[in-house]
Amino acid sequence: MAISRPIHRYYAERIFAQTTREQAPPNFRPLPQSPTGMSTVEGCRGGGKNIVEVFLIADPDRVLDLRLSCGLCNPAMYVATDVLVEWARGRALAEILSLDPHEISDLTPFFEGLGGPGRPDDAREKFQYALVAVQNAVRDHLGQAPVPVPEFAQPEDLDLSEDIDLPEDENELS
């Protein structure tokens, strides 16, 4: 499956452009102190190469900081985890746990976090896995058992939006 244009654009601007030999993008750098919750998720249908580790610092009610490690990840997983971290930082733990990763409408803030039109299905699948990873880090912080990671539907080359006209020429995206 090809990488969707919204994923490609976000990855180029927010991940690749901030990566050097000496430094990872901000959300992929180590926490300044020991985490209070952690989780690991294989972020591909049927297991695979995207191994996401989530490191959380939270107080009893809110996320204070959140960072990631993404091993062998593809661009869609890097983007999904970065978007999730940006969204979750400062949120109430109860709000994070209330989201259903199977409910596409619960993924709306993450699609919005891509910063452009469309709801690409490659993002949907990775948002689902990333959300479970963040939720399991919250559960770990709260002393609860993690939920098993379900297998989400494999992404297709489609956009889940209704009536959105994306430009055919990628140069029109800038």
Protein backbone atom coordinates (compact mmCIF):
# COMPACT_ATOMS: atom_id res chain seq x y z
CA MET A 1 0.00 0.00 0.00
CA ALA A 2 1.24 3.47 -0.88
CA ILE A 3 1.70 6.10 1.80
CA SER A 4 -1.16 8.61 1.71
CA ARG A 5 -0.39 12.24 0.93
CA PRO A 6 -1.44 13.53 4.40
CA ILE A 7 0.89 11.01 6.07
CA HIS A 8 3.70 11.83 3.64
CA ARG A 9 3.34 15.57 4.22
CA TYR A 10 3.22 15.31 8.03
CA TYR A 11 6.16 12.88 8.09
CA ALA A 12 8.29 15.11 5.86
CA GLU A 13 7.56 18.25 7.89
CA ARG A 14 7.37 16.99 11.47
CA ILE A 15 9.47 13.82 11.60
CA PHE A 16 12.05 13.69 8.81
CA ALA A 17 12.88 17.41 8.86
CA GLN A 18 13.58 17.27 12.62
CA THR A 19 15.69 14.11 12.53
CA THR A 20 19.47 14.32 12.49
CA ARG A 21 22.20 11.81 13.20
CA GLU A 22 22.50 13.30 16.67
CA GLN A 23 18.89 13.94 17.58
CA ALA A 24 15.40 12.53 17.21
CA PRO A 25 12.25 14.67 16.90
CA PRO A 26 11.01 16.01 20.28
CA ASN A 27 8.33 13.37 20.94
CA PHE A 28 10.86 10.59 20.31
CA ARG A 29 13.47 11.85 22.80
CA PRO A 30 13.84 10.28 26.26
CA LEU A 31 11.79 11.62 29.15
CA PRO A 32 13.59 13.93 31.61
CA GLN A 33 12.72 11.53 34.47
CA SER A 34 11.58 7.94 34.98
CA PRO A 35 8.18 7.12 33.51
CA THR A 36 5.19 6.39 35.72
CA GLY A 37 3.59 4.21 33.02
CA MET A 38 4.83 2.30 29.98
CA SER A 39 3.52 0.06 27.24
CA THR A 40 4.66 -1.70 24.09
CA VAL A 41 2.53 -2.47 21.05
CA GLU A 42 3.22 -4.20 17.77
CA GLY A 43 1.51 -1.81 15.40
CA CYS A 44 0.80 -3.92 12.36
CA ARG A 45 -1.97 -6.35 11.61
CA GLY A 46 -0.80 -9.78 12.62
CA GLY A 47 2.33 -8.44 14.31
CA GLY A 48 5.13 -6.92 12.38
CA LYS A 49 7.90 -4.46 12.28
CA ASN A 50 6.27 -1.43 13.95
CA ILE A 51 7.22 -1.79 17.62
CA VAL A 52 5.99 1.22 19.57
CA GLU A 53 7.05 1.88 23.15
CA VAL A 54 5.18 4.55 25.11
CA PHE A 55 6.67 6.24 28.17
CA LEU A 56 4.28 8.28 30.32
CA ILE A 57 4.62 10.70 33.19
CA ALA A 58 1.27 11.46 34.80
CA ASP A 59 -0.17 12.68 38.05
CA PRO A 60 -3.32 11.02 39.45
CA ASP A 61 -5.55 12.72 36.87
CA ARG A 62 -3.57 14.01 33.86
CA VAL A 63 -0.80 13.27 31.43
CA LEU A 64 2.15 15.51 32.20
CA ASP A 65 4.49 14.21 29.53
CA LEU A 66 4.54 11.41 27.02
CA ARG A 67 7.31 10.15 24.75
CA LEU A 68 7.81 7.30 22.31
CA SER A 69 10.26 4.94 20.84
CA CYS A 70 9.38 3.56 17.43
CA GLY A 71 11.43 0.59 16.31
CA LEU A 72 11.40 -0.36 12.63
CA CYS A 73 8.33 1.81 12.13
CA ASN A 74 6.99 2.94 8.81
CA PRO A 75 6.09 6.61 8.20
CA ALA A 76 2.40 6.07 9.04
CA MET A 77 3.26 4.72 12.50
CA TYR A 78 5.71 7.53 13.20
CA VAL A 79 3.04 10.05 12.25
CA ALA A 80 0.25 8.34 14.22
CA THR A 81 2.29 8.13 17.40
CA ASP A 82 3.50 11.73 17.08
CA VAL A 83 -0.07 12.96 16.59
CA LEU A 84 -1.29 10.91 19.58
CA VAL A 85 1.44 12.26 21.86
CA GLU A 86 0.65 15.85 20.88
CA TRP A 87 -3.04 15.26 21.54
CA ALA A 88 -2.62 13.34 24.84
CA ARG A 89 -0.18 15.65 26.58
CA GLY A 90 -2.12 17.52 29.28
CA ARG A 91 -5.32 15.45 28.83
CA ALA A 92 -7.27 13.82 31.60
CA LEU A 93 -6.49 10.12 31.99
CA ALA A 94 -10.23 9.36 32.06
CA GLU A 95 -10.68 11.09 28.70
CA ILE A 96 -7.92 9.01 27.12
CA LEU A 97 -9.34 5.77 28.49
CA SER A 98 -12.87 6.68 27.34
CA LEU A 99 -11.96 6.51 23.64
CA ASP A 100 -12.81 3.37 21.70
CA PRO A 101 -10.09 2.58 19.14
CA HIS A 102 -12.67 0.70 17.03
CA GLU A 103 -14.95 3.75 16.80
CA ILE A 104 -13.80 5.87 13.84
CA SER A 105 -15.51 8.98 15.25
CA ASP A 106 -13.29 8.69 18.37
CA LEU A 107 -10.28 9.03 16.07
CA THR A 108 -11.45 12.44 14.77
CA PRO A 109 -9.00 14.54 16.82
CA PHE A 110 -6.13 12.47 15.45
CA PHE A 111 -7.18 12.93 11.83
CA GLU A 112 -7.43 16.66 12.60
CA GLY A 113 -3.90 16.48 14.02
CA LEU A 114 -2.60 15.59 10.57
CA GLY A 115 -3.16 19.25 9.73
CA GLY A 116 -4.93 18.88 6.42
CA PRO A 117 -7.98 17.52 4.70
CA GLY A 118 -8.83 13.88 4.57
CA ARG A 119 -8.95 10.79 6.72
CA PRO A 120 -6.53 8.38 5.09
CA ASP A 121 -7.05 4.75 5.99
CA ASP A 122 -3.32 4.15 6.53
CA ALA A 123 -3.54 6.73 9.34
CA ARG A 124 -6.71 5.12 10.75
CA GLU A 125 -5.04 1.77 11.32
CA LYS A 126 -1.95 3.29 12.97
CA PHE A 127 -4.06 5.66 15.10
CA GLN A 128 -5.90 2.61 16.41
CA TYR A 129 -2.69 0.84 17.44
CA ALA A 130 -1.15 4.04 18.86
CA LEU A 131 -4.28 4.78 20.89
CA VAL A 132 -4.18 1.32 22.48
CA ALA A 133 -0.49 1.86 23.28
CA VAL A 134 -1.18 5.20 24.99
CA GLN A 135 -4.21 3.77 26.82
CA ASN A 136 -2.13 0.83 28.07
CA ALA A 137 0.57 3.22 29.35
CA VAL A 138 -2.19 5.05 31.26
CA ARG A 139 -3.45 1.74 32.63
CA ASP A 140 0.09 0.85 33.72
CA HIS A 141 0.35 4.22 35.49
CA LEU A 142 -2.95 3.51 37.28
CA GLY A 143 -1.84 -0.01 38.27
CA GLN A 144 -4.33 -1.67 35.92
CA ALA A 145 -3.66 -4.57 33.58
CA PRO A 146 -3.17 -3.69 29.91
CA VAL A 147 -5.82 -4.71 27.41
CA PRO A 148 -4.72 -7.16 24.73
CA VAL A 149 -4.04 -5.40 21.45
CA PRO A 150 -6.68 -6.34 18.90
CA GLU A 151 -5.93 -6.85 15.25
CA PHE A 152 -7.38 -3.89 13.41
CA ALA A 153 -8.46 -4.09 9.79
CA GLN A 154 -5.62 -3.80 7.35
CA PRO A 155 -5.57 -0.36 5.69
CA GLU A 156 -6.80 0.12 2.16
CA ASP A 157 -5.97 2.85 -0.34
CA LEU A 158 -8.96 4.97 0.56
CA ASP A 159 -9.98 8.06 2.43
CA LEU A 160 -12.62 7.76 5.12
CA SER A 161 -13.81 11.35 4.56
CA GLU A 162 -16.96 12.24 2.72
CA ASP A 163 -16.90 14.68 -0.17
CA ILE A 164 -13.32 15.89 0.20
CA ASP A 165 -11.52 16.77 -3.00
CA LEU A 166 -7.80 16.30 -2.53
CA PRO A 167 -5.52 17.85 -5.17
CA GLU A 168 -4.10 15.38 -7.66
CA ASP A 169 -0.74 17.18 -7.83
CA GLU A 170 1.26 16.81 -4.62
CA ASN A 171 2.79 20.24 -5.26
CA GLU A 172 -0.64 21.73 -4.62
CA LEU A 173 -0.41 20.51 -0.99
CA SER A 174 2.21 23.02 0.05
